[in-house]
């Protein structure tokens, strides 16, 4: 019996040793398979952000670049302006106004896209399969053209002698062209035009598999159209609405081409301000600080979206 128990213990120890060896080999194989993805994330994501973070705490070089001296001036410059003669700081709201303009235009563009995109997505979802494909094809056509070209076409439409003003004047609605171009209105309209498909498609995805017999049931139970919309349709479309708002808000907040062309330097947004600091301003630390603040704003938006999504799934 003692010999049998000894052999059993030896077999168990050998089996456990083989399991440990197999586990180590599996871990090494997993690490080797993950290595390219981890390296790519590091080179494309973490390393550039780390450089931007470090630059934001340095001094600007005389002709661009940075001086390797620790400084918080880039963050102080966001709120205060230094008097070079008296060496005092005064509160300056110029950059805060640019941040507020960017935030407000992004919010307005998101809300406008929602009010336009929701009925569009609902209309597409109740069509036949063939018409659905045709309408979705029409929605995605703008993606076939570069954003720069589409924005430039919007510039040609909104200018004083553009198609919109000429039509209004020829119809007798206006006596003279309206100054639409190079205004916040033009920038907001350009953002809506550029990112509207990002609102339509997620909402359509949520409504695509919706059983519209529930709408008929609500009507049979004497529910008004408004109650059917708010109690049945919108709760079903909530995930798509949330995703669409995020997909519109984030690129609108950091937009560069649209305010550059349609704003004409009068309606600066955060993306334009960052470009100016790395270009004409030659203040890389300040540009890096603005970029980090923009990233924080985006991360907060994503956190709010994920938090609400998690709550909805739990409930």
Protein backbone atom coordinates (compact mmCIF):
# COMPACT_ATOMS: atom_id res chain seq x y z
CA UNK A 1 0.00 0.00 0.00
CA UNK A 2 2.86 2.36 0.82
CA UNK A 3 4.43 1.72 -2.62
CA UNK A 4 1.11 2.43 -4.35
CA UNK A 5 0.62 5.67 -2.42
CA UNK A 6 4.21 6.69 -3.25
CA UNK A 7 3.63 6.06 -6.96
CA UNK A 8 0.34 8.02 -6.77
CA UNK A 9 2.08 10.95 -5.14
CA UNK A 10 4.81 10.87 -7.80
CA UNK A 11 2.19 10.83 -10.58
CA UNK A 12 0.33 13.74 -8.98
CA UNK A 13 3.53 15.77 -8.63
CA UNK A 14 4.47 15.01 -12.24
CA UNK A 15 0.96 15.98 -13.42
CA UNK A 16 1.03 19.24 -11.46
CA UNK A 17 4.49 20.02 -12.83
CA UNK A 18 3.30 19.38 -16.39
CA UNK A 19 0.26 21.60 -15.79
CA UNK A 20 2.48 24.40 -14.49
CA UNK A 21 4.75 24.04 -17.52
CA UNK A 22 1.78 24.07 -19.91
CA UNK A 23 0.37 27.13 -18.13
CA UNK A 24 3.70 28.96 -18.47
CA UNK A 25 3.90 28.07 -22.15
CA UNK A 26 0.32 29.30 -22.67
CA UNK A 27 1.16 32.57 -20.92
CA UNK A 28 4.27 33.04 -23.07
CA UNK A 29 2.27 32.30 -26.23
CA UNK A 30 -0.45 34.74 -25.15
CA UNK A 31 2.18 37.39 -24.42
CA UNK A 32 3.80 36.88 -27.83
CA UNK A 33 0.44 37.15 -29.57
CA UNK A 34 -0.47 40.31 -27.65
CA UNK A 35 2.94 41.93 -28.10
CA UNK A 36 2.22 43.49 -31.55
CA UNK A 37 -1.05 45.00 -30.35
CA UNK A 38 0.51 46.32 -27.13
CA UNK A 39 3.46 47.77 -29.07
CA UNK A 40 1.12 49.44 -31.55
CA UNK A 41 -0.98 50.97 -28.75
CA UNK A 42 2.19 52.22 -27.07
CA UNK A 43 3.69 53.75 -30.22
CA UNK A 44 0.47 55.27 -31.58
CA UNK A 45 -1.40 56.12 -28.38
CA UNK A 46 0.61 56.25 -25.16
CA UNK A 47 3.93 57.60 -26.46
CA UNK A 48 2.52 60.65 -28.34
CA UNK A 49 0.26 61.53 -25.40
CA UNK A 50 3.22 61.21 -23.05
CA UNK A 51 5.23 63.60 -25.21
CA UNK A 52 2.37 66.11 -25.27
CA UNK A 53 2.02 65.80 -21.49
CA UNK A 54 5.73 66.46 -20.94
CA UNK A 55 5.78 69.37 -23.39
CA UNK A 56 2.91 71.07 -21.58
CA UNK A 57 5.12 71.50 -18.49
CA UNK A 58 8.10 73.00 -20.35
CA UNK A 59 9.04 76.45 -21.60
CA UNK A 60 8.52 77.43 -25.27
CA UNK A 61 11.55 77.73 -27.52
CA UNK A 62 12.39 80.96 -29.28
CA UNK A 63 11.64 79.57 -32.77
CA UNK A 64 9.38 76.68 -31.90
CA UNK A 65 10.13 73.56 -29.96
CA UNK A 66 10.65 73.58 -26.20
CA UNK A 67 13.25 74.44 -23.59
CA UNK A 68 13.78 71.70 -21.06
CA UNK A 69 12.93 73.83 -18.05
CA UNK A 70 10.00 72.94 -15.81
CA UNK A 71 7.24 75.55 -16.10
CA UNK A 72 3.50 75.86 -15.47
CA UNK A 73 3.15 78.95 -17.67
CA UNK A 74 1.20 77.05 -20.33
CA UNK A 75 -1.64 76.36 -17.91
CA UNK A 76 -1.44 79.79 -16.28
CA UNK A 77 -1.72 81.39 -19.74
CA UNK A 78 -5.15 79.84 -20.19
CA UNK A 79 -6.62 82.07 -17.48
CA UNK A 80 -4.15 84.89 -16.92
CA UNK A 81 -2.16 87.36 -18.99
CA UNK A 82 1.22 88.57 -17.76
CA UNK A 83 2.17 92.24 -17.90
CA UNK A 84 5.77 92.23 -19.17
CA UNK A 85 6.51 95.60 -17.56
CA UNK A 86 4.95 95.20 -14.12
CA UNK A 87 5.26 91.37 -14.06
CA UNK A 88 1.71 91.01 -12.76
CA UNK A 89 -1.04 88.63 -13.80
CA UNK A 90 -4.46 89.80 -14.92
CA UNK A 91 -7.45 87.58 -15.56
CA UNK A 92 -7.99 87.02 -19.28
CA UNK A 93 -11.13 85.43 -20.72
CA UNK A 94 -10.00 85.28 -24.39
CA UNK A 95 -9.16 81.58 -24.34
CA UNK A 96 -12.14 80.75 -22.15
CA UNK A 97 -14.35 82.33 -24.80
CA UNK A 98 -12.83 80.04 -27.42
CA UNK A 99 -13.46 77.03 -25.20
CA UNK A 100 -17.02 78.19 -24.55
CA UNK A 101 -17.62 78.78 -28.27
CA UNK A 102 -16.33 75.30 -29.07
CA UNK A 103 -18.44 73.69 -26.36
CA UNK A 104 -21.60 75.62 -27.25
CA UNK A 105 -21.25 74.98 -31.00
CA UNK A 106 -20.64 71.28 -30.35
CA UNK A 107 -23.73 71.08 -28.12
CA UNK A 108 -25.90 72.99 -30.62
CA UNK A 109 -24.64 70.82 -33.49
CA UNK A 110 -25.36 67.66 -31.49
CA UNK A 111 -28.90 68.75 -30.56
CA UNK A 112 -29.63 69.87 -34.13
CA UNK A 113 -28.34 66.58 -35.53
CA UNK A 114 -30.55 64.74 -33.03
CA UNK A 115 -33.70 66.64 -34.02
CA UNK A 116 -32.97 66.07 -37.71
CA UNK A 117 -31.45 62.60 -37.48
CA UNK A 118 -34.06 60.93 -35.27
CA UNK A 119 -36.99 61.46 -37.69
CA UNK A 120 -34.73 60.44 -40.58
CA UNK A 121 -33.69 57.22 -38.83
CA UNK A 122 -37.29 56.46 -37.84
CA UNK A 123 -38.52 57.05 -41.38
CA UNK A 124 -35.83 54.75 -42.81
CA UNK A 125 -36.58 52.02 -40.27
CA UNK A 126 -40.26 51.74 -41.24
CA UNK A 127 -39.56 51.37 -44.96
CA UNK A 128 -39.34 48.16 -46.96
CA UNK A 129 -36.01 46.37 -47.22
CA UNK A 130 -35.28 47.69 -50.70
CA UNK A 131 -36.10 51.29 -49.78
CA UNK A 132 -34.08 50.97 -46.57
CA UNK A 133 -30.98 50.07 -48.54
CA UNK A 134 -31.55 52.94 -50.97
CA UNK A 135 -32.04 55.50 -48.21
CA UNK A 136 -29.04 54.26 -46.23
CA UNK A 137 -27.01 54.50 -49.41
CA UNK A 138 -28.06 58.15 -49.77
CA UNK A 139 -27.16 58.85 -46.13
CA UNK A 140 -23.67 57.41 -46.53
CA UNK A 141 -22.89 59.16 -49.85
CA UNK A 142 -21.22 62.16 -48.10
CA UNK A 143 -18.59 59.81 -46.67
CA UNK A 144 -17.40 59.15 -50.22
CA UNK A 145 -16.08 62.71 -50.48
CA UNK A 146 -13.31 64.30 -48.46
CA UNK A 147 -14.48 66.53 -45.61
CA UNK A 148 -12.38 69.42 -46.95
CA UNK A 149 -14.19 69.33 -50.30
CA UNK A 150 -17.62 69.10 -48.66
CA UNK A 151 -16.83 72.04 -46.37
CA UNK A 152 -15.56 74.10 -49.28
CA UNK A 153 -18.82 73.40 -51.13
CA UNK A 154 -20.71 74.69 -48.09
CA UNK A 155 -18.56 77.83 -48.28
CA UNK A 156 -19.66 78.36 -51.88
CA UNK A 157 -23.30 77.99 -50.83
CA UNK A 158 -23.15 80.41 -47.87
CA UNK A 159 -21.03 83.22 -49.31
CA UNK A 160 -22.64 86.55 -50.25
CA UNK A 161 -22.93 85.57 -53.91
CA UNK A 162 -23.57 81.92 -53.09
CA UNK A 163 -26.48 79.74 -54.07
CA UNK A 164 -28.50 80.40 -50.90
CA UNK A 165 -28.29 84.19 -50.98
CA UNK A 166 -28.88 84.35 -54.74
CA UNK A 167 -32.00 82.20 -54.39
CA UNK A 168 -33.38 84.34 -51.56
CA UNK A 169 -32.70 87.57 -53.44
CA UNK A 170 -34.16 86.30 -56.72
CA UNK A 171 -37.30 85.13 -54.94
CA UNK A 172 -37.75 88.59 -53.48
CA UNK A 173 -37.40 87.40 -49.89
CA UNK A 174 -34.29 89.55 -49.34
CA UNK A 175 -33.24 92.90 -50.73
CA UNK A 176 -29.54 92.19 -50.30
CA UNK A 177 -27.48 89.12 -49.40
CA UNK A 178 -27.20 88.12 -45.76
CA UNK A 179 -23.68 87.95 -44.23
CA UNK A 180 -23.91 84.23 -43.45
CA UNK A 181 -20.30 83.29 -44.04
CA UNK A 182 -17.59 83.68 -41.38
CA UNK A 183 -20.07 83.53 -38.51
CA UNK A 184 -20.88 81.08 -35.74
CA UNK A 185 -24.03 80.20 -37.67
CA UNK A 186 -21.96 79.10 -40.67
CA UNK A 187 -19.66 77.02 -38.46
CA UNK A 188 -22.61 75.37 -36.69
CA UNK A 189 -24.33 74.63 -39.99
CA UNK A 190 -21.10 73.14 -41.34
CA UNK A 191 -20.76 70.90 -38.28
CA UNK A 192 -24.33 69.66 -38.68
CA UNK A 193 -23.77 68.99 -42.37
CA UNK A 194 -20.50 67.15 -41.70
CA UNK A 195 -21.60 64.92 -38.81
CA UNK A 196 -25.33 64.33 -39.37
CA UNK A 197 -24.78 60.76 -40.72
CA UNK A 198 -23.05 59.87 -37.43
CA UNK A 199 -26.37 60.55 -35.70
CA UNK A 200 -28.65 58.84 -38.21
CA UNK A 201 -26.87 55.50 -38.46
CA UNK A 202 -26.68 54.58 -34.71
CA UNK A 203 -30.33 55.53 -34.16
CA UNK A 204 -31.36 53.52 -37.22
CA UNK A 205 -29.43 50.53 -35.84
CA UNK A 206 -31.43 50.73 -32.60
CA UNK A 207 -34.76 51.04 -34.43
CA UNK A 208 -34.05 48.50 -37.17
CA UNK A 209 -35.18 45.47 -35.15
CA UNK A 210 -37.93 47.32 -33.32
CA UNK A 211 -41.31 45.56 -33.40
CA UNK A 212 -43.64 48.31 -34.63
CA UNK A 213 -46.65 46.28 -33.53
CA UNK A 214 -45.94 47.79 -30.12
CA UNK A 215 -46.80 51.21 -31.61
CA UNK A 216 -50.08 49.81 -32.89
CA UNK A 217 -50.75 48.29 -29.47
CA UNK A 218 -50.14 51.65 -27.82
CA UNK A 219 -52.55 53.33 -30.22
CA UNK A 220 -55.17 50.64 -29.56
CA UNK A 221 -54.84 51.42 -25.85
CA UNK A 222 -55.74 55.07 -26.63
CA UNK A 223 -52.21 56.40 -26.12
CA UNK A 224 -51.51 59.67 -27.90
CA UNK A 225 -48.75 59.92 -30.49
CA UNK A 226 -46.64 61.86 -28.02
CA UNK A 227 -46.98 59.13 -25.39
CA UNK A 228 -46.18 56.43 -27.95
CA UNK A 229 -43.09 58.38 -28.91
CA UNK A 230 -41.89 59.05 -25.35
CA UNK A 231 -42.98 55.75 -23.73
CA UNK A 232 -42.21 53.23 -26.50
CA UNK A 233 -40.05 54.50 -29.35
CA UNK A 234 -37.53 56.74 -27.56
CA UNK A 235 -36.69 54.18 -24.78
CA UNK A 236 -35.97 51.60 -27.49
CA UNK A 237 -33.78 54.10 -29.38
CA UNK A 238 -31.90 55.36 -26.29
CA UNK A 239 -28.66 53.40 -26.96
CA UNK A 240 -28.54 54.70 -30.52
CA UNK A 241 -29.33 58.26 -29.40
CA UNK A 242 -26.55 58.17 -26.81
CA UNK A 243 -24.04 56.72 -29.27
CA UNK A 244 -25.03 59.23 -31.95
CA UNK A 245 -24.65 62.16 -29.56
CA UNK A 246 -21.18 61.01 -28.59
CA UNK A 247 -20.16 60.44 -32.23
CA UNK A 248 -21.31 63.97 -33.14
CA UNK A 249 -20.23 65.86 -30.03
CA UNK A 250 -16.63 64.64 -29.82
CA UNK A 251 -15.52 65.44 -33.40
CA UNK A 252 -17.51 68.71 -33.31
CA UNK A 253 -15.66 69.79 -30.17
CA UNK A 254 -12.26 69.31 -31.77
CA UNK A 255 -13.21 70.29 -35.33
CA UNK A 256 -10.58 72.14 -37.34
CA UNK A 257 -11.48 72.24 -41.05
CA UNK A 258 -15.06 73.50 -40.62
CA UNK A 259 -14.28 76.55 -38.42
CA UNK A 260 -11.13 77.25 -40.44
CA UNK A 261 -13.02 77.58 -43.73
CA UNK A 262 -16.48 78.70 -42.62
CA UNK A 263 -15.31 80.75 -39.63
CA UNK A 264 -12.61 82.59 -41.55
CA UNK A 265 -10.50 83.22 -38.45
CA UNK A 266 -13.40 85.02 -36.72
CA UNK A 267 -14.95 81.96 -35.07
CA UNK A 268 -11.97 80.13 -33.64
CA UNK A 269 -12.49 76.78 -31.99
CA UNK A 270 -10.17 74.64 -29.90
CA UNK A 271 -8.73 72.81 -32.91
CA UNK A 272 -7.82 76.10 -34.61
CA UNK A 273 -6.26 77.43 -31.41
CA UNK A 274 -4.05 74.33 -31.09
CA UNK A 275 -2.96 74.67 -34.71
CA UNK A 276 -2.06 78.34 -34.19
CA UNK A 277 0.10 77.55 -31.17
CA UNK A 278 2.08 74.86 -32.97
CA UNK A 279 2.30 76.99 -36.13
CA UNK A 280 2.35 80.77 -36.08
CA UNK A 281 2.46 81.12 -32.29
CA UNK A 282 5.43 78.73 -31.91
CA UNK A 283 4.29 77.99 -28.40
CA UNK A 284 4.36 74.22 -28.25
CA UNK A 285 3.81 73.93 -24.46
CA UNK A 286 0.65 76.04 -24.65
CA UNK A 287 -0.61 74.04 -27.62
CA UNK A 288 0.10 70.82 -25.72
CA UNK A 289 -1.76 72.09 -22.66
CA UNK A 290 -4.82 72.98 -24.77
CA UNK A 291 -4.70 69.55 -26.45
CA UNK A 292 -4.63 67.83 -23.06
CA UNK A 293 -7.57 69.87 -21.80
CA UNK A 294 -9.50 68.96 -24.95
CA UNK A 295 -8.69 65.30 -24.34
CA UNK A 296 -9.93 65.59 -20.75
CA UNK A 297 -13.20 67.10 -21.99
CA UNK A 298 -13.60 64.20 -24.42
CA UNK A 299 -12.82 61.65 -21.71
CA UNK A 300 -15.42 63.20 -19.42
CA UNK A 301 -18.00 62.93 -22.20
CA UNK A 302 -17.14 59.27 -22.75
CA UNK A 303 -17.26 58.58 -19.01
CA UNK A 304 -20.74 60.10 -18.75
CA UNK A 305 -21.89 58.03 -21.74
CA UNK A 306 -20.47 54.77 -20.36
CA UNK A 307 -21.86 55.47 -16.89
CA UNK A 308 -25.38 56.05 -18.23
CA UNK A 309 -25.14 53.02 -20.52
CA UNK A 310 -24.12 50.82 -17.60
CA UNK A 311 -27.00 52.12 -15.48
CA UNK A 312 -29.50 51.46 -18.25
CA UNK A 313 -28.23 47.90 -18.71
CA UNK A 314 -28.42 47.21 -14.96
CA UNK A 315 -31.94 48.59 -14.72
